[in-house]
Amino acid sequence: MTVKFTKDHEWIAVSGTTGRVGITVYAQSQLGDLVYVEVPAIGKALTKGGEAAVVESVKAASEVYAPVSGKVTAANDALADAPETVNADAEGEGWLYEMEIADPAELGDLMDRAGYDAYVETLH
């Protein structure tokens, strides 16, 4: 499984043509305690860079953007009752949705873990 990252602090774990998407540990730490998570509907078509989900904390609401284009195939509905899961395990059980990737070439625009970590260092 390959994991890629966006400059908007989303991650996508890719297995074949399926991607599991969420926000990074850095993103959840910047947001603070999440109180609400809105995941996309199954079947929704997403465009790379377009709004896919919403996370809301005690500080602010923030859009989550699609790292690549595709169609939503699964949503982590458990987050409706337990949004704090994203804070506890942002890059694991706190995933937001899964998607069928329309164009795997779009993954080439994303960063690997080392590139993302270096990018985050420039934000301090």
PDB file of N, CA and C in Angstrom:
ATOM      1  N   MET A   1       0.847  -1.184   0.000  1.00  0.00           N
ATOM      2  CA  MET A   1       0.000   0.000   0.000  1.00  0.00           C
ATOM      3  C   MET A   1       0.892   1.246   0.000  1.00  0.00           C
ATOM      4  N   THR A   2       0.559   2.178  -0.854  1.00  0.00           N
ATOM      5  CA  THR A   2       1.285   3.430  -0.970  1.00  0.00           C
ATOM      6  C   THR A   2       0.458   4.546  -0.339  1.00  0.00           C
ATOM      7  N   VAL A   3       1.104   5.401   0.447  1.00  0.00           N
ATOM      8  CA  VAL A   3       0.401   6.536   1.045  1.00  0.00           C
ATOM      9  C   VAL A   3       0.996   7.818   0.475  1.00  0.00           C
ATOM     10  N   LYS A   4       0.109   8.690   0.014  1.00  0.00           N
ATOM     11  CA  LYS A   4       0.516   9.980  -0.557  1.00  0.00           C
ATOM     12  C   LYS A   4      -0.191  11.097   0.210  1.00  0.00           C
ATOM     13  N   PHE A   5       0.375  12.304   0.112  1.00  0.00           N
ATOM     14  CA  PHE A   5      -0.122  13.446   0.884  1.00  0.00           C
ATOM     15  C   PHE A   5      -0.283  14.675   0.004  1.00  0.00           C
ATOM     16  N   THR A   6      -1.237  15.555   0.390  1.00  0.00           N
ATOM     17  CA  THR A   6      -1.451  16.813  -0.317  1.00  0.00           C
ATOM     18  C   THR A   6      -0.941  17.972   0.529  1.00  0.00           C
ATOM     19  N   LYS A   7      -0.762  19.125  -0.099  1.00  0.00           N
ATOM     20  CA  LYS A   7      -0.373  20.330   0.637  1.00  0.00           C
ATOM     21  C   LYS A   7      -1.527  20.857   1.482  1.00  0.00           C
ATOM     22  N   ASP A   8      -2.734  20.346   1.243  1.00  0.00           N
ATOM     23  CA  ASP A   8      -3.892  20.716   2.057  1.00  0.00           C
ATOM     24  C   ASP A   8      -4.063  19.773   3.241  1.00  0.00           C
ATOM     25  N   HIS A   9      -3.095  18.872   3.443  1.00  0.00           N
ATOM     26  CA  HIS A   9      -3.039  17.974   4.605  1.00  0.00           C
ATOM     27  C   HIS A   9      -4.049  16.838   4.573  1.00  0.00           C
ATOM     28  N   GLU A  10      -4.324  16.328   3.361  1.00  0.00           N
ATOM     29  CA  GLU A  10      -5.063  15.079   3.226  1.00  0.00           C
ATOM     30  C   GLU A  10      -4.061  13.971   2.916  1.00  0.00           C
ATOM     31  N   TRP A  11      -4.424  12.755   3.286  1.00  0.00           N
ATOM     32  CA  TRP A  11      -3.631  11.585   2.896  1.00  0.00           C
ATOM     33  C   TRP A  11      -4.530  10.639   2.121  1.00  0.00           C
ATOM     34  N   ILE A  12      -3.901   9.849   1.262  1.00  0.00           N
ATOM     35  CA  ILE A  12      -4.621   8.799   0.545  1.00  0.00           C
ATOM     36  C   ILE A  12      -3.748   7.562   0.552  1.00  0.00           C
ATOM     37  N   ALA A  13      -4.314   6.472   1.077  1.00  0.00           N
ATOM     38  CA  ALA A  13      -3.633   5.179   1.090  1.00  0.00           C
ATOM     39  C   ALA A  13      -4.161   4.398  -0.105  1.00  0.00           C
ATOM     40  N   VAL A  14      -3.268   4.100  -1.036  1.00  0.00           N
ATOM     41  CA  VAL A  14      -3.662   3.508  -2.307  1.00  0.00           C
ATOM     42  C   VAL A  14      -3.367   2.014  -2.344  1.00  0.00           C
ATOM     43  N   SER A  15      -4.375   1.252  -2.726  1.00  0.00           N
ATOM     44  CA  SER A  15      -4.234  -0.186  -2.939  1.00  0.00           C
ATOM     45  C   SER A  15      -4.926  -0.489  -4.270  1.00  0.00           C
ATOM     46  N   GLY A  16      -4.132  -0.747  -5.301  1.00  0.00           N
ATOM     47  CA  GLY A  16      -4.708  -0.957  -6.627  1.00  0.00           C
ATOM     48  C   GLY A  16      -5.313   0.337  -7.122  1.00  0.00           C
ATOM     49  N   THR A  17      -6.623   0.315  -7.438  1.00  0.00           N
ATOM     50  CA  THR A  17      -7.296   1.532  -7.898  1.00  0.00           C
ATOM     51  C   THR A  17      -8.215   2.115  -6.824  1.00  0.00           C
ATOM     52  N   THR A  18      -8.055   1.645  -5.591  1.00  0.00           N
ATOM     53  CA  THR A  18      -8.854   2.132  -4.466  1.00  0.00           C
ATOM     54  C   THR A  18      -7.988   2.987  -3.566  1.00  0.00           C
ATOM     55  N   GLY A  19      -8.560   4.081  -3.076  1.00  0.00           N
ATOM     56  CA  GLY A  19      -7.855   4.936  -2.132  1.00  0.00           C
ATOM     57  C   GLY A  19      -8.696   5.186  -0.901  1.00  0.00           C
ATOM     58  N   ARG A  20      -8.056   5.101   0.274  1.00  0.00           N
ATOM     59  CA  ARG A  20      -8.705   5.456   1.534  1.00  0.00           C
ATOM     60  C   ARG A  20      -8.170   6.823   1.912  1.00  0.00           C
ATOM     61  N   VAL A  21      -9.054   7.772   2.224  1.00  0.00           N
ATOM     62  CA  VAL A  21      -8.676   9.173   2.406  1.00  0.00           C
ATOM     63  C   VAL A  21      -9.009   9.663   3.809  1.00  0.00           C
ATOM     64  N   GLY A  22      -8.136  10.527   4.315  1.00  0.00           N
ATOM     65  CA  GLY A  22      -8.373  11.171   5.601  1.00  0.00           C
ATOM     66  C   GLY A  22      -7.534  12.427   5.707  1.00  0.00           C
ATOM     67  N   ILE A  23      -7.553  13.040   6.891  1.00  0.00           N
ATOM     68  CA  ILE A  23      -6.705  14.201   7.127  1.00  0.00           C
ATOM     69  C   ILE A  23      -5.489  13.749   7.935  1.00  0.00           C
ATOM     70  N   THR A  24      -4.420  14.503   7.842  1.00  0.00           N
ATOM     71  CA  THR A  24      -3.168  14.120   8.488  1.00  0.00           C
ATOM     72  C   THR A  24      -3.182  14.432   9.983  1.00  0.00           C
ATOM     73  N   VAL A  25      -2.218  13.844  10.674  1.00  0.00           N
ATOM     74  CA  VAL A  25      -2.029  14.127  12.096  1.00  0.00           C
ATOM     75  C   VAL A  25      -1.807  15.630  12.291  1.00  0.00           C
ATOM     76  N   TYR A  26      -1.014  16.222  11.398  1.00  0.00           N
ATOM     77  CA  TYR A  26      -0.761  17.663  11.487  1.00  0.00           C
ATOM     78  C   TYR A  26      -2.069  18.450  11.383  1.00  0.00           C
ATOM     79  N   ALA A  27      -2.921  18.098  10.418  1.00  0.00           N
ATOM     80  CA  ALA A  27      -4.187  18.814  10.220  1.00  0.00           C
ATOM     81  C   ALA A  27      -5.072  18.726  11.456  1.00  0.00           C
ATOM     82  N   GLN A  28      -5.208  17.530  12.007  1.00  0.00           N
ATOM     83  CA  GLN A  28      -6.091  17.408  13.176  1.00  0.00           C
ATOM     84  C   GLN A  28      -5.513  18.151  14.370  1.00  0.00           C
ATOM     85  N   SER A  29      -4.175  18.210  14.477  1.00  0.00           N
ATOM     86  CA  SER A  29      -3.573  18.931  15.599  1.00  0.00           C
ATOM     87  C   SER A  29      -3.808  20.435  15.469  1.00  0.00           C
ATOM     88  N   GLN A  30      -3.819  20.937  14.234  1.00  0.00           N
ATOM     89  CA  GLN A  30      -4.080  22.356  13.998  1.00  0.00           C
ATOM     90  C   GLN A  30      -5.541  22.704  14.258  1.00  0.00           C
ATOM     91  N   LEU A  31      -6.439  21.782  13.949  1.00  0.00           N
ATOM     92  CA  LEU A  31      -7.870  22.022  14.135  1.00  0.00           C
ATOM     93  C   LEU A  31      -8.283  21.956  15.597  1.00  0.00           C
ATOM     94  N   GLY A  32      -7.659  21.079  16.356  1.00  0.00           N
ATOM     95  CA  GLY A  32      -8.081  20.863  17.733  1.00  0.00           C
ATOM     96  C   GLY A  32      -9.152  19.779  17.784  1.00  0.00           C
ATOM     97  N   ASP A  33      -9.855  19.719  18.896  1.00  0.00           N
ATOM     98  CA  ASP A  33     -10.829  18.655  19.116  1.00  0.00           C
ATOM     99  C   ASP A  33     -11.984  18.742  18.123  1.00  0.00           C
ATOM    100  N   LEU A  34     -12.136  17.680  17.328  1.00  0.00           N
ATOM    101  CA  LEU A  34     -13.218  17.649  16.358  1.00  0.00           C
ATOM    102  C   LEU A  34     -14.544  17.342  17.045  1.00  0.00           C
ATOM    103  N   VAL A  35     -15.583  18.059  16.615  1.00  0.00           N
ATOM    104  CA  VAL A  35     -16.918  17.873  17.181  1.00  0.00           C
ATOM    105  C   VAL A  35     -17.914  17.377  16.139  1.00  0.00           C
ATOM    106  N   TYR A  36     -17.507  17.436  14.844  1.00  0.00           N
ATOM    107  CA  TYR A  36     -18.420  17.039  13.774  1.00  0.00           C
ATOM    108  C   TYR A  36     -17.602  16.658  12.549  1.00  0.00           C
ATOM    109  N   VAL A  37     -18.010  15.574  11.900  1.00  0.00           N
ATOM    110  CA  VAL A  37     -17.383  15.155  10.648  1.00  0.00           C
ATOM    111  C   VAL A  37     -18.492  14.829   9.660  1.00  0.00           C
ATOM    112  N   GLU A  38     -18.431  15.434   8.484  1.00  0.00           N
ATOM    113  CA  GLU A  38     -19.392  15.137   7.421  1.00  0.00           C
ATOM    114  C   GLU A  38     -18.636  14.410   6.305  1.00  0.00           C
ATOM    115  N   VAL A  39     -18.973  13.144   6.107  1.00  0.00           N
ATOM    116  CA  VAL A  39     -18.321  12.349   5.060  1.00  0.00           C
ATOM    117  C   VAL A  39     -19.179  12.394   3.793  1.00  0.00           C
ATOM    118  N   PRO A  40     -18.562  12.183   2.639  1.00  0.00           N
ATOM    119  CA  PRO A  40     -19.336  12.241   1.390  1.00  0.00           C
ATOM    120  C   PRO A  40     -20.236  11.017   1.227  1.00  0.00           C
ATOM    121  N   ALA A  41     -21.279  11.183   0.435  1.00  0.00           N
ATOM    122  CA  ALA A  41     -22.208  10.087   0.157  1.00  0.00           C
ATOM    123  C   ALA A  41     -21.558   9.071  -0.781  1.00  0.00           C
ATOM    124  N   ILE A  42     -21.872   7.809  -0.561  1.00  0.00           N
ATOM    125  CA  ILE A  42     -21.384   6.756  -1.455  1.00  0.00           C
ATOM    126  C   ILE A  42     -21.952   7.019  -2.850  1.00  0.00           C
ATOM    127  N   GLY A  43     -21.095   6.911  -3.845  1.00  0.00           N
ATOM    128  CA  GLY A  43     -21.490   7.169  -5.222  1.00  0.00           C
ATOM    129  C   GLY A  43     -21.178   8.577  -5.690  1.00  0.00           C
ATOM    130  N   LYS A  44     -20.844   9.473  -4.754  1.00  0.00           N
ATOM    131  CA  LYS A  44     -20.544  10.856  -5.133  1.00  0.00           C
ATOM    132  C   LYS A  44     -19.276  10.902  -5.983  1.00  0.00           C
ATOM    133  N   ALA A  45     -19.343  11.645  -7.077  1.00  0.00           N
ATOM    134  CA  ALA A  45     -18.173  11.847  -7.929  1.00  0.00           C
ATOM    135  C   ALA A  45     -17.356  13.004  -7.366  1.00  0.00           C
ATOM    136  N   LEU A  46     -16.057  12.784  -7.211  1.00  0.00           N
ATOM    137  CA  LEU A  46     -15.162  13.803  -6.675  1.00  0.00           C
ATOM    138  C   LEU A  46     -14.159  14.230  -7.738  1.00  0.00           C
ATOM    139  N   THR A  47     -13.818  15.497  -7.709  1.00  0.00           N
ATOM    140  CA  THR A  47     -12.815  16.048  -8.608  1.00  0.00           C
ATOM    141  C   THR A  47     -11.593  16.420  -7.788  1.00  0.00           C
ATOM    142  N   LYS A  48     -10.421  16.089  -8.297  1.00  0.00           N
ATOM    143  CA  LYS A  48      -9.182  16.415  -7.594  1.00  0.00           C
ATOM    144  C   LYS A  48      -9.184  17.885  -7.188  1.00  0.00           C
ATOM    145  N   GLY A  49      -8.961  18.137  -5.896  1.00  0.00           N
ATOM    146  CA  GLY A  49      -8.939  19.499  -5.381  1.00  0.00           C
ATOM    147  C   GLY A  49     -10.297  20.045  -5.002  1.00  0.00           C
ATOM    148  N   GLY A  50     -11.361  19.308  -5.328  1.00  0.00           N
ATOM    149  CA  GLY A  50     -12.715  19.744  -4.991  1.00  0.00           C
ATOM    150  C   GLY A  50     -13.098  19.306  -3.585  1.00  0.00           C
ATOM    151  N   GLU A  51     -14.098  19.955  -3.019  1.00  0.00           N
ATOM    152  CA  GLU A  51     -14.540  19.627  -1.673  1.00  0.00           C
ATOM    153  C   GLU A  51     -15.108  18.215  -1.624  1.00  0.00           C
ATOM    154  N   ALA A  52     -14.660  17.444  -0.628  1.00  0.00           N
ATOM    155  CA  ALA A  52     -15.122  16.072  -0.485  1.00  0.00           C
ATOM    156  C   ALA A  52     -15.826  15.832   0.847  1.00  0.00           C
ATOM    157  N   ALA A  53     -15.350  16.490   1.907  1.00  0.00           N
ATOM    158  CA  ALA A  53     -15.895  16.263   3.243  1.00  0.00           C
ATOM    159  C   ALA A  53     -15.706  17.549   4.053  1.00  0.00           C
ATOM    160  N   VAL A  54     -16.264  17.557   5.261  1.00  0.00           N
ATOM    161  CA  VAL A  54     -16.117  18.695   6.166  1.00  0.00           C
ATOM    162  C   VAL A  54     -15.780  18.163   7.552  1.00  0.00           C
ATOM    163  N   VAL A  55     -14.815  18.807   8.179  1.00  0.00           N
ATOM    164  CA  VAL A  55     -14.520  18.512   9.581  1.00  0.00           C
ATOM    165  C   VAL A  55     -14.685  19.812  10.364  1.00  0.00           C
ATOM    166  N   GLU A  56     -15.277  19.699  11.538  1.00  0.00           N
ATOM    167  CA  GLU A  56     -15.530  20.888  12.341  1.00  0.00           C
ATOM    168  C   GLU A  56     -14.987  20.657  13.740  1.00  0.00           C
ATOM    169  N   SER A  57     -14.239  21.646  14.224  1.00  0.00           N
ATOM    170  CA  SER A  57     -13.686  21.560  15.566  1.00  0.00           C
ATOM    171  C   SER A  57     -14.253  22.690  16.407  1.00  0.00           C
ATOM    172  N   VAL A  58     -13.824  22.742  17.658  1.00  0.00           N
ATOM    173  CA  VAL A  58     -14.254  23.840  18.513  1.00  0.00           C
ATOM    174  C   VAL A  58     -13.683  25.156  18.001  1.00  0.00           C
ATOM    175  N   LYS A  59     -12.624  25.111  17.192  1.00  0.00           N
ATOM    176  CA  LYS A  59     -11.991  26.318  16.644  1.00  0.00           C
ATOM    177  C   LYS A  59     -12.590  26.759  15.314  1.00  0.00           C
ATOM    178  N   ALA A  60     -12.828  25.801  14.400  1.00  0.00           N
ATOM    179  CA  ALA A  60     -13.214  26.183  13.032  1.00  0.00           C
ATOM    180  C   ALA A  60     -13.775  24.994  12.270  1.00  0.00           C
ATOM    181  N   ALA A  61     -14.468  25.304  11.181  1.00  0.00           N
ATOM    182  CA  ALA A  61     -14.889  24.270  10.233  1.00  0.00           C
ATOM    183  C   ALA A  61     -13.908  24.317   9.071  1.00  0.00           C
ATOM    184  N   SER A  62     -13.613  23.162   8.510  1.00  0.00           N
ATOM    185  CA  SER A  62     -12.636  23.109   7.430  1.00  0.00           C
ATOM    186  C   SER A  62     -13.071  22.092   6.382  1.00  0.00           C
ATOM    187  N   GLU A  63     -12.923  22.475   5.126  1.00  0.00           N
ATOM    188  CA  GLU A  63     -13.218  21.541   4.050  1.00  0.00           C
ATOM    189  C   GLU A  63     -12.071  20.550   3.921  1.00  0.00           C
ATOM    190  N   VAL A  64     -12.418  19.341   3.503  1.00  0.00           N
ATOM    191  CA  VAL A  64     -11.429  18.322   3.169  1.00  0.00           C
ATOM    192  C   VAL A  64     -11.546  18.126   1.662  1.00  0.00           C
ATOM    193  N   TYR A  65     -10.440  18.269   0.970  1.00  0.00           N
ATOM    194  CA  TYR A  65     -10.440  18.215  -0.486  1.00  0.00           C
ATOM    195  C   TYR A  65     -10.031  16.836  -0.991  1.00  0.00           C
ATOM    196  N   ALA A  66     -10.561  16.470  -2.148  1.00  0.00           N
ATOM    197  CA  ALA A  66     -10.220  15.185  -2.762  1.00  0.00           C
ATOM    198  C   ALA A  66      -8.786  15.241  -3.284  1.00  0.00           C
ATOM    199  N   PRO A  67      -7.934  14.306  -2.872  1.00  0.00           N
ATOM    200  CA  PRO A  67      -6.547  14.311  -3.359  1.00  0.00           C
ATOM    201  C   PRO A  67      -6.444  13.926  -4.833  1.00  0.00           C
ATOM    202  N   VAL A  68      -7.404  13.149  -5.312  1.00  0.00           N
ATOM    203  CA  VAL A  68      -7.478  12.741  -6.722  1.00  0.00           C
ATOM    204  C   VAL A  68      -8.953  12.657  -7.109  1.00  0.00           C
ATOM    205  N   SER A  69      -9.216  12.545  -8.395  1.00  0.00           N
ATOM    206  CA  SER A  69     -10.591  12.404  -8.880  1.00  0.00           C
ATOM    207  C   SER A  69     -11.040  10.950  -8.762  1.00  0.00           C
ATOM    208  N   GLY A  70     -12.341  10.774  -8.581  1.00  0.00           N
ATOM    209  CA  GLY A  70     -12.889   9.427  -8.515  1.00  0.00           C
ATOM    210  C   GLY A  70     -14.280   9.416  -7.925  1.00  0.00           C
ATOM    211  N   LYS A  71     -14.734   8.222  -7.560  1.00  0.00           N
ATOM    212  CA  LYS A  71     -16.081   8.046  -7.024  1.00  0.00           C
ATOM    213  C   LYS A  71     -15.994   7.426  -5.635  1.00  0.00           C
ATOM    214  N   VAL A  72     -16.788   7.966  -4.706  1.00  0.00           N
ATOM    215  CA  VAL A  72     -16.816   7.469  -3.328  1.00  0.00           C
ATOM    216  C   VAL A  72     -17.434   6.072  -3.304  1.00  0.00           C
ATOM    217  N   THR A  73     -16.714   5.124  -2.692  1.00  0.00           N
ATOM    218  CA  THR A  73     -17.206   3.747  -2.607  1.00  0.00           C
ATOM    219  C   THR A  73     -17.539   3.323  -1.178  1.00  0.00           C
ATOM    220  N   ALA A  74     -17.036   4.075  -0.189  1.00  0.00           N
ATOM    221  CA  ALA A  74     -17.322   3.769   1.212  1.00  0.00           C
ATOM    222  C   ALA A  74     -17.123   5.029   2.028  1.00  0.00           C
ATOM    223  N   ALA A  75     -17.853   5.116   3.136  1.00  0.00           N
ATOM    224  CA  ALA A  75     -17.717   6.255   4.041  1.00  0.00           C
ATOM    225  C   ALA A  75     -17.610   5.732   5.464  1.00  0.00           C
ATOM    226  N   ASN A  76     -16.815   6.405   6.267  1.00  0.00           N
ATOM    227  CA  ASN A  76     -16.628   6.001   7.659  1.00  0.00           C
ATOM    228  C   ASN A  76     -17.745   6.630   8.500  1.00  0.00           C
ATOM    229  N   ASP A  77     -18.914   6.007   8.436  1.00  0.00           N
ATOM    230  CA  ASP A  77     -20.096   6.537   9.111  1.00  0.00           C
ATOM    231  C   ASP A  77     -19.957   6.551  10.631  1.00  0.00           C
ATOM    232  N   ALA A  78     -19.029   5.777  11.180  1.00  0.00           N
ATOM    233  CA  ALA A  78     -18.820   5.751  12.629  1.00  0.00           C
ATOM    234  C   ALA A  78     -18.385   7.120  13.150  1.00  0.00           C
ATOM    235  N   LEU A  79     -17.832   7.954  12.277  1.00  0.00           N
ATOM    236  CA  LEU A  79     -17.355   9.273  12.705  1.00  0.00           C
ATOM    237  C   LEU A  79     -18.491  10.212  13.082  1.00  0.00           C
ATOM    238  N   ALA A  80     -19.709   9.932  12.616  1.00  0.00           N
ATOM    239  CA  ALA A  80     -20.856  10.774  12.977  1.00  0.00           C
ATOM    240  C   ALA A  80     -21.063  10.766  14.490  1.00  0.00           C
ATOM    241  N   ASP A  81     -20.881   9.602  15.111  1.00  0.00           N
ATOM    242  CA  ASP A  81     -21.064   9.476  16.552  1.00  0.00           C
ATOM    243  C   ASP A  81     -19.758   9.608  17.324  1.00  0.00           C
ATOM    244  N   ALA A  82     -18.627   9.542  16.614  1.00  0.00           N
ATOM    245  CA  ALA A  82     -17.332   9.587  17.298  1.00  0.00           C
ATOM    246  C   ALA A  82     -16.304  10.385  16.486  1.00  0.00           C
ATOM    247  N   PRO A  83     -16.559  11.694  16.293  1.00  0.00           N
ATOM    248  CA  PRO A  83     -15.618  12.501  15.500  1.00  0.00           C
ATOM    249  C   PRO A  83     -14.228  12.560  16.124  1.00  0.00           C
ATOM    250  N   GLU A  84     -14.153  12.341  17.425  1.00  0.00           N
ATOM    251  CA  GLU A  84     -12.856  12.370  18.115  1.00  0.00           C
ATOM    252  C   GLU A  84     -11.915  11.259  17.651  1.00  0.00           C
ATOM    253  N   THR A  85     -12.450  10.263  16.941  1.00  0.00           N
ATOM    254  CA  THR A  85     -11.616   9.201  16.377  1.00  0.00           C
ATOM    255  C   THR A  85     -10.559   9.800  15.445  1.00  0.00           C
ATOM    256  N   VAL A  86     -10.911  10.872  14.733  1.00  0.00           N
ATOM    257  CA  VAL A  86      -9.954  11.519  13.832  1.00  0.00           C
ATOM    258  C   VAL A  86      -8.800  12.106  14.642  1.00  0.00           C
ATOM    259  N   ASN A  87      -9.098  12.703  15.802  1.00  0.00           N
ATOM    260  CA  ASN A  87      -8.032  13.236  16.644  1.00  0.00           C
ATOM    261  C   ASN A  87      -7.149  12.122  17.193  1.00  0.00           C
ATOM    262  N   ALA A  88      -7.761  11.013  17.579  1.00  0.00           N
ATOM    263  CA  ALA A  88      -7.022   9.921  18.209  1.00  0.00           C
ATOM    264  C   ALA A  88      -6.189   9.120  17.217  1.00  0.00           C
ATOM    265  N   ASP A  89      -6.675   8.970  15.974  1.00  0.00           N
ATOM    266  CA  ASP A  89      -5.996   8.109  14.998  1.00  0.00           C
ATOM    267  C   ASP A  89      -6.270   8.623  13.583  1.00  0.00           C
ATOM    268  N   ALA A  90      -5.784   9.840  13.305  1.00  0.00           N
ATOM    269  CA  ALA A  90      -6.099  10.520  12.045  1.00  0.00           C
ATOM    270  C   ALA A  90      -5.693   9.726  10.811  1.00  0.00           C
ATOM    271  N   GLU A  91      -4.586   9.017  10.885  1.00  0.00           N
ATOM    272  CA  GLU A  91      -4.105   8.294   9.712  1.00  0.00           C
ATOM    273  C   GLU A  91      -4.363   6.786   9.816  1.00  0.00           C
ATOM    274  N   GLY A  92      -5.370   6.440  10.636  1.00  0.00           N
ATOM    275  CA  GLY A  92      -5.763   5.043  10.804  1.00  0.00           C
ATOM    276  C   GLY A  92      -7.275   4.935  10.846  1.00  0.00           C
ATOM    277  N   GLU A  93      -7.813   4.645  12.037  1.00  0.00           N
ATOM    278  CA  GLU A  93      -9.264   4.466  12.195  1.00  0.00           C
ATOM    279  C   GLU A  93     -10.062   5.737  11.932  1.00  0.00           C
ATOM    280  N   GLY A  94      -9.382   6.882  11.878  1.00  0.00           N
ATOM    281  CA  GLY A  94     -10.064   8.146  11.623  1.00  0.00           C
ATOM    282  C   GLY A  94     -10.187   8.488  10.144  1.00  0.00           C
ATOM    283  N   TRP A  95     -10.035   7.481   9.270  1.00  0.00           N
ATOM    284  CA  TRP A  95     -10.210   7.724   7.822  1.00  0.00           C
ATOM    285  C   TRP A  95     -11.621   8.236   7.558  1.00  0.00           C
ATOM    286  N   LEU A  96     -11.772   8.989   6.468  1.00  0.00           N
ATOM    287  CA  LEU A  96     -13.066   9.605   6.160  1.00  0.00           C
ATOM    288  C   LEU A  96     -13.869   8.839   5.121  1.00  0.00           C
ATOM    289  N   TYR A  97     -13.213   8.479   4.006  1.00  0.00           N
ATOM    290  CA  TYR A  97     -13.939   7.772   2.944  1.00  0.00           C
ATOM    291  C   TYR A  97     -12.969   6.991   2.072  1.00  0.00           C
ATOM    292  N   GLU A  98     -13.539   6.083   1.284  1.00  0.00           N
ATOM    293  CA  GLU A  98     -12.768   5.345   0.286  1.00  0.00           C
ATOM    294  C   GLU A  98     -13.305   5.704  -1.082  1.00  0.00           C
ATOM    295  N   MET A  99     -12.422   5.632  -2.070  1.00  0.00           N
ATOM    296  CA  MET A  99     -12.839   6.006  -3.417  1.00  0.00           C
ATOM    297  C   MET A  99     -12.182   5.120  -4.456  1.00  0.00           C
ATOM    298  N   GLU A 100     -12.866   4.988  -5.580  1.00  0.00           N
ATOM    299  CA  GLU A 100     -12.294   4.354  -6.763  1.00  0.00           C
ATOM    300  C   GLU A 100     -11.578   5.473  -7.513  1.00  0.00           C
ATOM    301  N   ILE A 101     -10.291   5.307  -7.732  1.00  0.00           N
ATOM    302  CA  ILE A 101      -9.479   6.353  -8.358  1.00  0.00           C
ATOM    303  C   ILE A 101      -9.711   6.342  -9.867  1.00  0.00           C
ATOM    304  N   ALA A 102     -10.109   7.510 -10.404  1.00  0.00           N
ATOM    305  CA  ALA A 102     -10.416   7.609 -11.830  1.00  0.00           C
ATOM    306  C   ALA A 102      -9.151   7.653 -12.690  1.00  0.00           C
ATOM    307  N   ASP A 103      -8.145   8.383 -12.235  1.00  0.00           N
ATOM    308  CA  ASP A 103      -6.925   8.568 -13.025  1.00  0.00           C
ATOM    309  C   ASP A 103      -5.701   8.412 -12.115  1.00  0.00           C
ATOM    310  N   PRO A 104      -5.120   7.209 -12.056  1.00  0.00           N
ATOM    311  CA  PRO A 104      -3.973   6.975 -11.179  1.00  0.00           C
ATOM    312  C   PRO A 104      -2.799   7.924 -11.435  1.00  0.00           C
ATOM    313  N   ALA A 105      -2.720   8.509 -12.616  1.00  0.00           N
ATOM    314  CA  ALA A 105      -1.638   9.453 -12.921  1.00  0.00           C
ATOM    315  C   ALA A 105      -1.693  10.679 -12.002  1.00  0.00           C
ATOM    316  N   GLU A 106      -2.898  11.017 -11.501  1.00  0.00           N
ATOM    317  CA  GLU A 106      -3.024  12.168 -10.594  1.00  0.00           C
ATOM    318  C   GLU A 106      -2.245  11.965  -9.296  1.00  0.00           C
ATOM    319  N   LEU A 107      -1.983  10.726  -8.935  1.00  0.00           N
ATOM    320  CA  LEU A 107      -1.216  10.445  -7.716  1.00  0.00           C
ATOM    321  C   LEU A 107       0.203  10.988  -7.824  1.00  0.00           C
ATOM    322  N   GLY A 108       0.695  11.150  -9.048  1.00  0.00           N
ATOM    323  CA  GLY A 108       2.047  11.643  -9.259  1.00  0.00           C
ATOM    324  C   GLY A 108       2.253  13.066  -8.779  1.00  0.00           C
ATOM    325  N   ASP A 109       1.167  13.817  -8.609  1.00  0.00           N
ATOM    326  CA  ASP A 109       1.257  15.203  -8.141  1.00  0.00           C
ATOM    327  C   ASP A 109       1.366  15.289  -6.615  1.00  0.00           C
ATOM    328  N   LEU A 110       1.195  14.173  -5.928  1.00  0.00           N
ATOM    329  CA  LEU A 110       1.169  14.169  -4.464  1.00  0.00           C
ATOM    330  C   LEU A 110       2.544  13.841  -3.885  1.00  0.00           C
ATOM    331  N   MET A 111       2.714  14.130  -2.595  1.00  0.00           N
ATOM    332  CA  MET A 111       3.986  13.903  -1.911  1.00  0.00           C
ATOM    333  C   MET A 111       4.011  12.556  -1.207  1.00  0.00           C
ATOM    334  N   ASP A 112       5.206  11.989  -1.070  1.00  0.00           N
ATOM    335  CA  ASP A 112       5.369  10.814  -0.222  1.00  0.00           C
ATOM    336  C   ASP A 112       5.549  11.302   1.218  1.00  0.00           C
ATOM    337  N   ARG A 113       5.691  10.384   2.167  1.00  0.00           N
ATOM    338  CA  ARG A 113       5.790  10.755   3.591  1.00  0.00           C
ATOM    339  C   ARG A 113       6.968  11.710   3.836  1.00  0.00           C
ATOM    340  N   ALA A 114       8.126  11.413   3.283  1.00  0.00           N
ATOM    341  CA  ALA A 114       9.303  12.260   3.505  1.00  0.00           C
ATOM    342  C   ALA A 114       9.074  13.665   2.945  1.00  0.00           C
ATOM    343  N   GLY A 115       8.491  13.744   1.758  1.00  0.00           N
ATOM    344  CA  GLY A 115       8.204  15.041   1.153  1.00  0.00           C
ATOM    345  C   GLY A 115       7.195  15.828   1.961  1.00  0.00           C
ATOM    346  N   TYR A 116       6.164  15.135   2.464  1.00  0.00           N
ATOM    347  CA  TYR A 116       5.141  15.805   3.268  1.00  0.00           C
ATOM    348  C   TYR A 116       5.728  16.298   4.582  1.00  0.00           C
ATOM    349  N   ASP A 117       6.511  15.446   5.241  1.00  0.00           N
ATOM    350  CA  ASP A 117       7.122  15.848   6.512  1.00  0.00           C
ATOM    351  C   ASP A 117       8.016  17.068   6.323  1.00  0.00           C
ATOM    352  N   ALA A 118       8.770  17.101   5.225  1.00  0.00           N
ATOM    353  CA  ALA A 118       9.628  18.255   4.931  1.00  0.00           C
ATOM    354  C   ALA A 118       8.773  19.499   4.686  1.00  0.00           C
ATOM    355  N   TYR A 119       7.644  19.327   3.994  1.00  0.00           N
ATOM    356  CA  TYR A 119       6.730  20.441   3.739  1.00  0.00           C
ATOM    357  C   TYR A 119       6.184  20.992   5.051  1.00  0.00           C
ATOM    358  N   VAL A 120       5.758  20.115   5.956  1.00  0.00           N
ATOM    359  CA  VAL A 120       5.200  20.552   7.238  1.00  0.00           C
ATOM    360  C   VAL A 120       6.248  21.338   8.031  1.00  0.00           C
ATOM    361  N   GLU A 121       7.503  20.926   7.944  1.00  0.00           N
ATOM    362  CA  GLU A 121       8.577  21.643   8.648  1.00  0.00           C
ATOM    363  C   GLU A 121       8.664  23.104   8.183  1.00  0.00           C
ATOM    364  N   THR A 122       8.331  23.377   6.933  1.00  0.00           N
ATOM    365  CA  THR A 122       8.411  24.752   6.423  1.00  0.00           C
ATOM    366  C   THR A 122       7.271  25.611   6.966  1.00  0.00           C
ATOM    367  N   LEU A 123       6.279  25.005   7.595  1.00  0.00           N
ATOM    368  CA  LEU A 123       5.108  25.741   8.092  1.00  0.00           C
ATOM    369  C   LEU A 123       5.302  26.273   9.505  1.00  0.00           C
ATOM    370  N   HIS A 124       6.383  25.879  10.137  1.00  0.00           N
ATOM    371  CA  HIS A 124       6.621  26.300  11.543  1.00  0.00           C
ATOM    372  C   HIS A 124       7.379  27.587  11.624  1.00  0.00           C
TER     373      HIS A 124
END
